[in-house]
Amino acid sequence: MDEKRFWQNFCPLTAGRQLRDANLVVHCDGGRRGDACSAAAWILEAVWGDGSQIVYMAGVFVDEVDVLFSFVAEATALDQGSKFLADLHAATTQYESLHAL
């Protein structure tokens, strides 16, 4: 929320790690500061049997004009995090299909 803008960060996988071998978990949070602003953020975490790693994180800021109720900010984080995971799955599936030929 302090960034007051959209932000994202891709985190490179540790050598030898593959997303296809991991369980993926999306953590989301959203909130509101009075009538000043609201924000939503999510983190994609890859979990293997011997550890885990943050893969991607992002957040969106909503200014005072469009301030969201806290629950709506939470729902926005869940929606955007889930969409990112679905898009990642679709892209990975398409990539693997193309390279299986």
PDB file of N, CA and C in Angstrom:
ATOM      1  N   MET A   1       0.824  -1.183   0.000  1.00  0.00           N
ATOM      2  CA  MET A   1       0.000   0.000   0.000  1.00  0.00           C
ATOM      3  C   MET A   1       0.873   1.253   0.000  1.00  0.00           C
ATOM      4  N   ASP A   2       2.022   1.145   0.635  1.00  0.00           N
ATOM      5  CA  ASP A   2       2.911   2.307   0.703  1.00  0.00           C
ATOM      6  C   ASP A   2       3.529   2.655  -0.649  1.00  0.00           C
ATOM      7  N   GLU A   3       3.574   1.690  -1.578  1.00  0.00           N
ATOM      8  CA  GLU A   3       4.134   1.944  -2.906  1.00  0.00           C
ATOM      9  C   GLU A   3       3.249   2.895  -3.723  1.00  0.00           C
ATOM     10  N   LYS A   4       1.947   2.881  -3.481  1.00  0.00           N
ATOM     11  CA  LYS A   4       0.966   3.726  -4.183  1.00  0.00           C
ATOM     12  C   LYS A   4       1.011   3.528  -5.699  1.00  0.00           C
ATOM     13  N   ARG A   5       1.216   2.289  -6.108  1.00  0.00           N
ATOM     14  CA  ARG A   5       1.226   1.944  -7.524  1.00  0.00           C
ATOM     15  C   ARG A   5       1.153   0.422  -7.652  1.00  0.00           C
ATOM     16  N   PHE A   6       0.924  -0.063  -8.891  1.00  0.00           N
ATOM     17  CA  PHE A   6       1.015  -1.491  -9.152  1.00  0.00           C
ATOM     18  C   PHE A   6       2.482  -1.890  -9.069  1.00  0.00           C
ATOM     19  N   TRP A   7       2.765  -3.036  -8.511  1.00  0.00           N
ATOM     20  CA  TRP A   7       4.132  -3.531  -8.467  1.00  0.00           C
ATOM     21  C   TRP A   7       4.127  -5.043  -8.643  1.00  0.00           C
ATOM     22  N   GLN A   8       5.246  -5.568  -9.117  1.00  0.00           N
ATOM     23  CA  GLN A   8       5.395  -7.011  -9.267  1.00  0.00           C
ATOM     24  C   GLN A   8       6.862  -7.379  -9.173  1.00  0.00           C
ATOM     25  N   ASN A   9       7.113  -8.625  -8.817  1.00  0.00           N
ATOM     26  CA  ASN A   9       8.477  -9.100  -8.695  1.00  0.00           C
ATOM     27  C   ASN A   9       8.511 -10.591  -9.018  1.00  0.00           C
ATOM     28  N   PHE A  10       9.246 -10.948 -10.047  1.00  0.00           N
ATOM     29  CA  PHE A  10       9.485 -12.353 -10.369  1.00  0.00           C
ATOM     30  C   PHE A  10      10.754 -12.779  -9.632  1.00  0.00           C
ATOM     31  N   CYS A  11      10.712 -13.937  -9.023  1.00  0.00           N
ATOM     32  CA  CYS A  11      11.867 -14.456  -8.297  1.00  0.00           C
ATOM     33  C   CYS A  11      12.372 -15.695  -9.019  1.00  0.00           C
ATOM     34  N   PRO A  12      13.614 -15.699  -9.496  1.00  0.00           N
ATOM     35  CA  PRO A  12      14.117 -16.858 -10.237  1.00  0.00           C
ATOM     36  C   PRO A  12      14.149 -18.103  -9.347  1.00  0.00           C
ATOM     37  N   LEU A  13      13.856 -19.237  -9.954  1.00  0.00           N
ATOM     38  CA  LEU A  13      13.888 -20.494  -9.214  1.00  0.00           C
ATOM     39  C   LEU A  13      15.324 -20.874  -8.869  1.00  0.00           C
ATOM     40  N   THR A  14      15.464 -21.499  -7.729  1.00  0.00           N
ATOM     41  CA  THR A  14      16.758 -22.048  -7.329  1.00  0.00           C
ATOM     42  C   THR A  14      17.175 -23.103  -8.354  1.00  0.00           C
ATOM     43  N   ALA A  15      18.448 -23.190  -8.637  1.00  0.00           N
ATOM     44  CA  ALA A  15      18.958 -24.153  -9.617  1.00  0.00           C
ATOM     45  C   ALA A  15      18.461 -25.562  -9.303  1.00  0.00           C
ATOM     46  N   GLY A  16      18.002 -26.250 -10.334  1.00  0.00           N
ATOM     47  CA  GLY A  16      17.522 -27.614 -10.184  1.00  0.00           C
ATOM     48  C   GLY A  16      16.047 -27.739  -9.834  1.00  0.00           C
ATOM     49  N   ARG A  17      15.383 -26.638  -9.560  1.00  0.00           N
ATOM     50  CA  ARG A  17      13.955 -26.661  -9.217  1.00  0.00           C
ATOM     51  C   ARG A  17      13.111 -26.490 -10.469  1.00  0.00           C
ATOM     52  N   GLN A  18      11.988 -27.188 -10.530  1.00  0.00           N
ATOM     53  CA  GLN A  18      11.030 -27.075 -11.631  1.00  0.00           C
ATOM     54  C   GLN A  18       9.647 -26.814 -11.044  1.00  0.00           C
ATOM     55  N   LEU A  19       8.918 -25.861 -11.629  1.00  0.00           N
ATOM     56  CA  LEU A  19       7.556 -25.593 -11.153  1.00  0.00           C
ATOM     57  C   LEU A  19       6.654 -26.805 -11.309  1.00  0.00           C
ATOM     58  N   ARG A  20       6.854 -27.587 -12.369  1.00  0.00           N
ATOM     59  CA  ARG A  20       5.984 -28.733 -12.601  1.00  0.00           C
ATOM     60  C   ARG A  20       6.117 -29.799 -11.519  1.00  0.00           C
ATOM     61  N   ASP A  21       7.208 -29.757 -10.740  1.00  0.00           N
ATOM     62  CA  ASP A  21       7.420 -30.708  -9.651  1.00  0.00           C
ATOM     63  C   ASP A  21       6.910 -30.187  -8.310  1.00  0.00           C
ATOM     64  N   ALA A  22       6.348 -28.994  -8.298  1.00  0.00           N
ATOM     65  CA  ALA A  22       5.950 -28.349  -7.044  1.00  0.00           C
ATOM     66  C   ALA A  22       4.434 -28.269  -6.898  1.00  0.00           C
ATOM     67  N   ASN A  23       3.995 -28.164  -5.676  1.00  0.00           N
ATOM     68  CA  ASN A  23       2.628 -27.740  -5.393  1.00  0.00           C
ATOM     69  C   ASN A  23       2.676 -26.220  -5.320  1.00  0.00           C
ATOM     70  N   LEU A  24       1.699 -25.557  -5.919  1.00  0.00           N
ATOM     71  CA  LEU A  24       1.685 -24.098  -5.935  1.00  0.00           C
ATOM     72  C   LEU A  24       0.618 -23.579  -4.979  1.00  0.00           C
ATOM     73  N   VAL A  25       1.000 -22.585  -4.200  1.00  0.00           N
ATOM     74  CA  VAL A  25       0.104 -21.987  -3.212  1.00  0.00           C
ATOM     75  C   VAL A  25       0.035 -20.491  -3.489  1.00  0.00           C
ATOM     76  N   VAL A  26      -1.173 -19.941  -3.520  1.00  0.00           N
ATOM     77  CA  VAL A  26      -1.349 -18.500  -3.681  1.00  0.00           C
ATOM     78  C   VAL A  26      -1.771 -17.928  -2.330  1.00  0.00           C
ATOM     79  N   HIS A  27      -0.986 -16.992  -1.828  1.00  0.00           N
ATOM     80  CA  HIS A  27      -1.320 -16.273  -0.599  1.00  0.00           C
ATOM     81  C   HIS A  27      -1.834 -14.896  -1.019  1.00  0.00           C
ATOM     82  N   CYS A  28      -2.941 -14.439  -0.465  1.00  0.00           N
ATOM     83  CA  CYS A  28      -3.508 -13.146  -0.848  1.00  0.00           C
ATOM     84  C   CYS A  28      -3.865 -12.334   0.393  1.00  0.00           C
ATOM     85  N   ASP A  29      -3.832 -11.021   0.204  1.00  0.00           N
ATOM     86  CA  ASP A  29      -4.254 -10.121   1.272  1.00  0.00           C
ATOM     87  C   ASP A  29      -4.706  -8.811   0.646  1.00  0.00           C
ATOM     88  N   GLY A  30      -5.593  -8.161   1.312  1.00  0.00           N
ATOM     89  CA  GLY A  30      -6.069  -6.860   0.857  1.00  0.00           C
ATOM     90  C   GLY A  30      -6.491  -6.056   2.064  1.00  0.00           C
ATOM     91  N   GLY A  31      -6.533  -4.757   1.914  1.00  0.00           N
ATOM     92  CA  GLY A  31      -6.916  -3.936   3.048  1.00  0.00           C
ATOM     93  C   GLY A  31      -7.228  -2.512   2.646  1.00  0.00           C
ATOM     94  N   ARG A  32      -7.600  -1.760   3.655  1.00  0.00           N
ATOM     95  CA  ARG A  32      -8.025  -0.372   3.453  1.00  0.00           C
ATOM     96  C   ARG A  32      -7.487   0.457   4.601  1.00  0.00           C
ATOM     97  N   ARG A  33      -7.063   1.664   4.300  1.00  0.00           N
ATOM     98  CA  ARG A  33      -6.646   2.618   5.321  1.00  0.00           C
ATOM     99  C   ARG A  33      -7.675   3.735   5.377  1.00  0.00           C
ATOM    100  N   GLY A  34      -8.611   3.602   6.267  1.00  0.00           N
ATOM    101  CA  GLY A  34      -9.661   4.613   6.417  1.00  0.00           C
ATOM    102  C   GLY A  34     -10.299   4.939   5.090  1.00  0.00           C
ATOM    103  N   ASP A  35     -10.405   6.214   4.780  1.00  0.00           N
ATOM    104  CA  ASP A  35     -10.929   6.641   3.489  1.00  0.00           C
ATOM    105  C   ASP A  35      -9.806   7.059   2.543  1.00  0.00           C
ATOM    106  N   ALA A  36      -8.557   6.758   2.913  1.00  0.00           N
ATOM    107  CA  ALA A  36      -7.413   7.244   2.155  1.00  0.00           C
ATOM    108  C   ALA A  36      -7.107   6.396   0.922  1.00  0.00           C
ATOM    109  N   CYS A  37      -7.052   5.083   1.082  1.00  0.00           N
ATOM    110  CA  CYS A  37      -6.675   4.221  -0.033  1.00  0.00           C
ATOM    111  C   CYS A  37      -6.914   2.764   0.337  1.00  0.00           C
ATOM    112  N   SER A  38      -6.784   1.894  -0.648  1.00  0.00           N
ATOM    113  CA  SER A  38      -6.851   0.454  -0.405  1.00  0.00           C
ATOM    114  C   SER A  38      -5.872  -0.224  -1.351  1.00  0.00           C
ATOM    115  N   ALA A  39      -5.559  -1.483  -1.058  1.00  0.00           N
ATOM    116  CA  ALA A  39      -4.603  -2.211  -1.876  1.00  0.00           C
ATOM    117  C   ALA A  39      -4.872  -3.704  -1.757  1.00  0.00           C
ATOM    118  N   ALA A  40      -4.407  -4.433  -2.765  1.00  0.00           N
ATOM    119  CA  ALA A  40      -4.504  -5.885  -2.777  1.00  0.00           C
ATOM    120  C   ALA A  40      -3.165  -6.430  -3.231  1.00  0.00           C
ATOM    121  N   ALA A  41      -2.751  -7.554  -2.663  1.00  0.00           N
ATOM    122  CA  ALA A  41      -1.470  -8.154  -3.042  1.00  0.00           C
ATOM    123  C   ALA A  41      -1.577  -9.668  -2.971  1.00  0.00           C
ATOM    124  N   TRP A  42      -0.700 -10.339  -3.730  1.00  0.00           N
ATOM    125  CA  TRP A  42      -0.684 -11.796  -3.710  1.00  0.00           C
ATOM    126  C   TRP A  42       0.734 -12.291  -3.929  1.00  0.00           C
ATOM    127  N   ILE A  43       0.975 -13.494  -3.442  1.00  0.00           N
ATOM    128  CA  ILE A  43       2.275 -14.147  -3.572  1.00  0.00           C
ATOM    129  C   ILE A  43       2.033 -15.553  -4.092  1.00  0.00           C
ATOM    130  N   LEU A  44       2.816 -15.982  -5.054  1.00  0.00           N
ATOM    131  CA  LEU A  44       2.784 -17.359  -5.536  1.00  0.00           C
ATOM    132  C   LEU A  44       3.994 -18.068  -4.949  1.00  0.00           C
ATOM    133  N   GLU A  45       3.736 -19.139  -4.204  1.00  0.00           N
ATOM    134  CA  GLU A  45       4.794 -19.907  -3.566  1.00  0.00           C
ATOM    135  C   GLU A  45       4.818 -21.312  -4.145  1.00  0.00           C
ATOM    136  N   ALA A  46       6.001 -21.801  -4.474  1.00  0.00           N
ATOM    137  CA  ALA A  46       6.185 -23.177  -4.935  1.00  0.00           C
ATOM    138  C   ALA A  46       6.671 -23.998  -3.745  1.00  0.00           C
ATOM    139  N   VAL A  47       6.036 -25.151  -3.537  1.00  0.00           N
ATOM    140  CA  VAL A  47       6.376 -26.001  -2.396  1.00  0.00           C
ATOM    141  C   VAL A  47       6.792 -27.378  -2.898  1.00  0.00           C
ATOM    142  N   TRP A  48       8.000 -27.774  -2.545  1.00  0.00           N
ATOM    143  CA  TRP A  48       8.501 -29.112  -2.848  1.00  0.00           C
ATOM    144  C   TRP A  48       8.567 -29.889  -1.540  1.00  0.00           C
ATOM    145  N   GLY A  49       8.817 -31.176  -1.612  1.00  0.00           N
ATOM    146  CA  GLY A  49       8.891 -32.006  -0.411  1.00  0.00           C
ATOM    147  C   GLY A  49       9.965 -31.573   0.557  1.00  0.00           C
ATOM    148  N   ASP A  50      11.008 -30.913   0.050  1.00  0.00           N
ATOM    149  CA  ASP A  50      12.131 -30.527   0.911  1.00  0.00           C
ATOM    150  C   ASP A  50      12.275 -29.017   1.094  1.00  0.00           C
ATOM    151  N   GLY A  51      11.232 -28.266   0.761  1.00  0.00           N
ATOM    152  CA  GLY A  51      11.309 -26.820   0.968  1.00  0.00           C
ATOM    153  C   GLY A  51      10.359 -26.050   0.074  1.00  0.00           C
ATOM    154  N   SER A  52      10.422 -24.742   0.173  1.00  0.00           N
ATOM    155  CA  SER A  52       9.545 -23.889  -0.630  1.00  0.00           C
ATOM    156  C   SER A  52      10.292 -22.625  -1.024  1.00  0.00           C
ATOM    157  N   GLN A  53       9.696 -21.922  -1.989  1.00  0.00           N
ATOM    158  CA  GLN A  53      10.301 -20.697  -2.497  1.00  0.00           C
ATOM    159  C   GLN A  53       9.222 -19.798  -3.064  1.00  0.00           C
ATOM    160  N   ILE A  54       9.336 -18.503  -2.815  1.00  0.00           N
ATOM    161  CA  ILE A  54       8.446 -17.526  -3.432  1.00  0.00           C
ATOM    162  C   ILE A  54       8.848 -17.402  -4.893  1.00  0.00           C
ATOM    163  N   VAL A  55       7.859 -17.467  -5.786  1.00  0.00           N
ATOM    164  CA  VAL A  55       8.110 -17.421  -7.224  1.00  0.00           C
ATOM    165  C   VAL A  55       7.728 -16.063  -7.813  1.00  0.00           C
ATOM    166  N   TYR A  56       6.640 -15.492  -7.320  1.00  0.00           N
ATOM    167  CA  TYR A  56       6.123 -14.247  -7.892  1.00  0.00           C
ATOM    168  C   TYR A  56       5.331 -13.525  -6.809  1.00  0.00           C
ATOM    169  N   MET A  57       5.393 -12.215  -6.837  1.00  0.00           N
ATOM    170  CA  MET A  57       4.550 -11.423  -5.939  1.00  0.00           C
ATOM    171  C   MET A  57       4.132 -10.156  -6.663  1.00  0.00           C
ATOM    172  N   ALA A  58       2.929  -9.702  -6.358  1.00  0.00           N
ATOM    173  CA  ALA A  58       2.417  -8.498  -7.018  1.00  0.00           C
ATOM    174  C   ALA A  58       1.397  -7.820  -6.126  1.00  0.00           C
ATOM    175  N   GLY A  59       1.151  -6.561  -6.406  1.00  0.00           N
ATOM    176  CA  GLY A  59       0.157  -5.816  -5.662  1.00  0.00           C
ATOM    177  C   GLY A  59      -0.418  -4.702  -6.504  1.00  0.00           C
ATOM    178  N   VAL A  60      -1.593  -4.274  -6.136  1.00  0.00           N
ATOM    179  CA  VAL A  60      -2.263  -3.193  -6.852  1.00  0.00           C
ATOM    180  C   VAL A  60      -2.762  -2.182  -5.823  1.00  0.00           C
ATOM    181  N   PHE A  61      -2.566  -0.918  -6.120  1.00  0.00           N
ATOM    182  CA  PHE A  61      -2.966   0.188  -5.252  1.00  0.00           C
ATOM    183  C   PHE A  61      -4.231   0.828  -5.807  1.00  0.00           C
ATOM    184  N   VAL A  62      -5.153   1.142  -4.934  1.00  0.00           N
ATOM    185  CA  VAL A  62      -6.381   1.843  -5.337  1.00  0.00           C
ATOM    186  C   VAL A  62      -6.403   3.172  -4.592  1.00  0.00           C
ATOM    187  N   ASP A  63      -6.447   4.281  -5.337  1.00  0.00           N
ATOM    188  CA  ASP A  63      -6.376   5.589  -4.694  1.00  0.00           C
ATOM    189  C   ASP A  63      -7.675   5.972  -4.001  1.00  0.00           C
ATOM    190  N   GLU A  64      -7.668   7.132  -3.420  1.00  0.00           N
ATOM    191  CA  GLU A  64      -8.810   7.589  -2.616  1.00  0.00           C
ATOM    192  C   GLU A  64     -10.098   7.757  -3.429  1.00  0.00           C
ATOM    193  N   VAL A  65     -10.005   7.920  -4.732  1.00  0.00           N
ATOM    194  CA  VAL A  65     -11.208   8.089  -5.554  1.00  0.00           C
ATOM    195  C   VAL A  65     -12.000   6.778  -5.623  1.00  0.00           C
ATOM    196  N   ASP A  66     -11.293   5.661  -5.762  1.00  0.00           N
ATOM    197  CA  ASP A  66     -11.935   4.358  -5.927  1.00  0.00           C
ATOM    198  C   ASP A  66     -11.736   3.445  -4.723  1.00  0.00           C
ATOM    199  N   VAL A  67     -11.523   3.998  -3.544  1.00  0.00           N
ATOM    200  CA  VAL A  67     -11.208   3.203  -2.365  1.00  0.00           C
ATOM    201  C   VAL A  67     -12.196   2.035  -2.187  1.00  0.00           C
ATOM    202  N   LEU A  68     -11.650   0.862  -1.900  1.00  0.00           N
ATOM    203  CA  LEU A  68     -12.446  -0.355  -1.771  1.00  0.00           C
ATOM    204  C   LEU A  68     -12.689  -0.677  -0.304  1.00  0.00           C
ATOM    205  N   PHE A  69     -13.811  -1.312  -0.021  1.00  0.00           N
ATOM    206  CA  PHE A  69     -13.999  -1.852   1.313  1.00  0.00           C
ATOM    207  C   PHE A  69     -12.981  -2.967   1.507  1.00  0.00           C
ATOM    208  N   SER A  70     -12.596  -3.219   2.733  1.00  0.00           N
ATOM    209  CA  SER A  70     -11.557  -4.208   3.019  1.00  0.00           C
ATOM    210  C   SER A  70     -11.872  -5.571   2.413  1.00  0.00           C
ATOM    211  N   PHE A  71     -13.128  -6.035   2.523  1.00  0.00           N
ATOM    212  CA  PHE A  71     -13.485  -7.341   1.966  1.00  0.00           C
ATOM    213  C   PHE A  71     -13.319  -7.357   0.454  1.00  0.00           C
ATOM    214  N   VAL A  72     -13.675  -6.278  -0.212  1.00  0.00           N
ATOM    215  CA  VAL A  72     -13.534  -6.206  -1.674  1.00  0.00           C
ATOM    216  C   VAL A  72     -12.043  -6.221  -2.049  1.00  0.00           C
ATOM    217  N   ALA A  73     -11.200  -5.562  -1.258  1.00  0.00           N
ATOM    218  CA  ALA A  73      -9.759  -5.593  -1.506  1.00  0.00           C
ATOM    219  C   ALA A  73      -9.231  -7.018  -1.350  1.00  0.00           C
ATOM    220  N   GLU A  74      -9.713  -7.745  -0.341  1.00  0.00           N
ATOM    221  CA  GLU A  74      -9.318  -9.151  -0.149  1.00  0.00           C
ATOM    222  C   GLU A  74      -9.762  -9.990  -1.356  1.00  0.00           C
ATOM    223  N   ALA A  75     -11.003  -9.792  -1.790  1.00  0.00           N
ATOM    224  CA  ALA A  75     -11.531 -10.545  -2.934  1.00  0.00           C
ATOM    225  C   ALA A  75     -10.758 -10.213  -4.211  1.00  0.00           C
ATOM    226  N   THR A  76     -10.350  -8.966  -4.365  1.00  0.00           N
ATOM    227  CA  THR A  76      -9.550  -8.554  -5.526  1.00  0.00           C
ATOM    228  C   THR A  76      -8.202  -9.286  -5.527  1.00  0.00           C
ATOM    229  N   ALA A  77      -7.579  -9.373  -4.365  1.00  0.00           N
ATOM    230  CA  ALA A  77      -6.301 -10.092  -4.263  1.00  0.00           C
ATOM    231  C   ALA A  77      -6.486 -11.561  -4.628  1.00  0.00           C
ATOM    232  N   LEU A  78      -7.536 -12.184  -4.125  1.00  0.00           N
ATOM    233  CA  LEU A  78      -7.808 -13.590  -4.437  1.00  0.00           C
ATOM    234  C   LEU A  78      -8.067 -13.771  -5.930  1.00  0.00           C
ATOM    235  N   ASP A  79      -8.865 -12.881  -6.507  1.00  0.00           N
ATOM    236  CA  ASP A  79      -9.191 -12.958  -7.933  1.00  0.00           C
ATOM    237  C   ASP A  79      -7.935 -12.807  -8.796  1.00  0.00           C
ATOM    238  N   GLN A  80      -7.128 -11.805  -8.515  1.00  0.00           N
ATOM    239  CA  GLN A  80      -5.945 -11.553  -9.344  1.00  0.00           C
ATOM    240  C   GLN A  80      -4.886 -12.632  -9.147  1.00  0.00           C
ATOM    241  N   GLY A  81      -4.717 -13.107  -7.926  1.00  0.00           N
ATOM    242  CA  GLY A  81      -3.768 -14.192  -7.679  1.00  0.00           C
ATOM    243  C   GLY A  81      -4.190 -15.480  -8.365  1.00  0.00           C
ATOM    244  N   SER A  82      -5.490 -15.780  -8.305  1.00  0.00           N
ATOM    245  CA  SER A  82      -6.012 -16.984  -8.967  1.00  0.00           C
ATOM    246  C   SER A  82      -5.887 -16.881 -10.476  1.00  0.00           C
ATOM    247  N   LYS A  83      -6.149 -15.693 -11.025  1.00  0.00           N
ATOM    248  CA  LYS A  83      -6.021 -15.495 -12.470  1.00  0.00           C
ATOM    249  C   LYS A  83      -4.573 -15.669 -12.906  1.00  0.00           C
ATOM    250  N   PHE A  84      -3.643 -15.138 -12.133  1.00  0.00           N
ATOM    251  CA  PHE A  84      -2.234 -15.304 -12.468  1.00  0.00           C
ATOM    252  C   PHE A  84      -1.862 -16.785 -12.489  1.00  0.00           C
ATOM    253  N   LEU A  85      -2.326 -17.542 -11.496  1.00  0.00           N
ATOM    254  CA  LEU A  85      -2.026 -18.975 -11.431  1.00  0.00           C
ATOM    255  C   LEU A  85      -2.644 -19.717 -12.617  1.00  0.00           C
ATOM    256  N   ALA A  86      -3.886 -19.383 -12.980  1.00  0.00           N
ATOM    257  CA  ALA A  86      -4.546 -20.019 -14.127  1.00  0.00           C
ATOM    258  C   ALA A  86      -3.815 -19.690 -15.433  1.00  0.00           C
ATOM    259  N   ASP A  87      -3.396 -18.433 -15.594  1.00  0.00           N
ATOM    260  CA  ASP A  87      -2.655 -18.038 -16.794  1.00  0.00           C
ATOM    261  C   ASP A  87      -1.301 -18.747 -16.858  1.00  0.00           C
ATOM    262  N   LEU A  88      -0.638 -18.889 -15.723  1.00  0.00           N
ATOM    263  CA  LEU A  88       0.636 -19.595 -15.672  1.00  0.00           C
ATOM    264  C   LEU A  88       0.452 -21.059 -16.062  1.00  0.00           C
ATOM    265  N   HIS A  89      -0.594 -21.674 -15.551  1.00  0.00           N
ATOM    266  CA  HIS A  89      -0.877 -23.076 -15.884  1.00  0.00           C
ATOM    267  C   HIS A  89      -1.154 -23.231 -17.381  1.00  0.00           C
ATOM    268  N   ALA A  90      -1.957 -22.342 -17.941  1.00  0.00           N
ATOM    269  CA  ALA A  90      -2.282 -22.408 -19.370  1.00  0.00           C
ATOM    270  C   ALA A  90      -1.026 -22.234 -20.220  1.00  0.00           C
ATOM    271  N   ALA A  91      -0.185 -21.284 -19.866  1.00  0.00           N
ATOM    272  CA  ALA A  91       1.037 -21.045 -20.630  1.00  0.00           C
ATOM    273  C   ALA A  91       1.987 -22.238 -20.523  1.00  0.00           C
ATOM    274  N   THR A  92       2.110 -22.811 -19.342  1.00  0.00           N
ATOM    275  CA  THR A  92       2.986 -23.967 -19.136  1.00  0.00           C
ATOM    276  C   THR A  92       2.488 -25.171 -19.922  1.00  0.00           C
ATOM    277  N   THR A  93       1.176 -25.407 -19.881  1.00  0.00           N
ATOM    278  CA  THR A  93       0.585 -26.523 -20.614  1.00  0.00           C
ATOM    279  C   THR A  93       0.803 -26.354 -22.104  1.00  0.00           C
ATOM    280  N   GLN A  94       0.596 -25.149 -22.625  1.00  0.00           N
ATOM    281  CA  GLN A  94       0.796 -24.890 -24.051  1.00  0.00           C
ATOM    282  C   GLN A  94       2.265 -25.078 -24.424  1.00  0.00           C
ATOM    283  N   TYR A  95       3.183 -24.589 -23.601  1.00  0.00           N
ATOM    284  CA  TYR A  95       4.609 -24.737 -23.864  1.00  0.00           C
ATOM    285  C   TYR A  95       5.009 -26.200 -23.904  1.00  0.00           C
ATOM    286  N   GLU A  96       4.545 -26.976 -22.921  1.00  0.00           N
ATOM    287  CA  GLU A  96       4.889 -28.401 -22.869  1.00  0.00           C
ATOM    288  C   GLU A  96       4.282 -29.152 -24.057  1.00  0.00           C
ATOM    289  N   SER A  97       3.085 -28.779 -24.494  1.00  0.00           N
ATOM    290  CA  SER A  97       2.454 -29.415 -25.657  1.00  0.00           C
ATOM    291  C   SER A  97       3.238 -29.151 -26.927  1.00  0.00           C
ATOM    292  N   LEU A  98       3.701 -27.914 -27.089  1.00  0.00           N
ATOM    293  CA  LEU A  98       4.467 -27.556 -28.284  1.00  0.00           C
ATOM    294  C   LEU A  98       5.803 -28.289 -28.338  1.00  0.00           C
ATOM    295  N   HIS A  99       6.414 -28.496 -27.184  1.00  0.00           N
ATOM    296  CA  HIS A  99       7.732 -29.119 -27.162  1.00  0.00           C
ATOM    297  C   HIS A  99       7.655 -30.648 -27.086  1.00  0.00           C
ATOM    298  N   ALA A 100       6.458 -31.193 -26.995  1.00  0.00           N
ATOM    299  CA  ALA A 100       6.289 -32.653 -26.977  1.00  0.00           C
ATOM    300  C   ALA A 100       6.218 -33.197 -28.411  1.00  0.00           C
ATOM    301  N   LEU A 101       6.049 -32.317 -29.382  1.00  0.00           N
ATOM    302  CA  LEU A 101       5.919 -32.740 -30.784  1.00  0.00           C
ATOM    303  C   LEU A 101       7.217 -33.273 -31.348  1.00  0.00           C
TER     304      LEU A 101
END
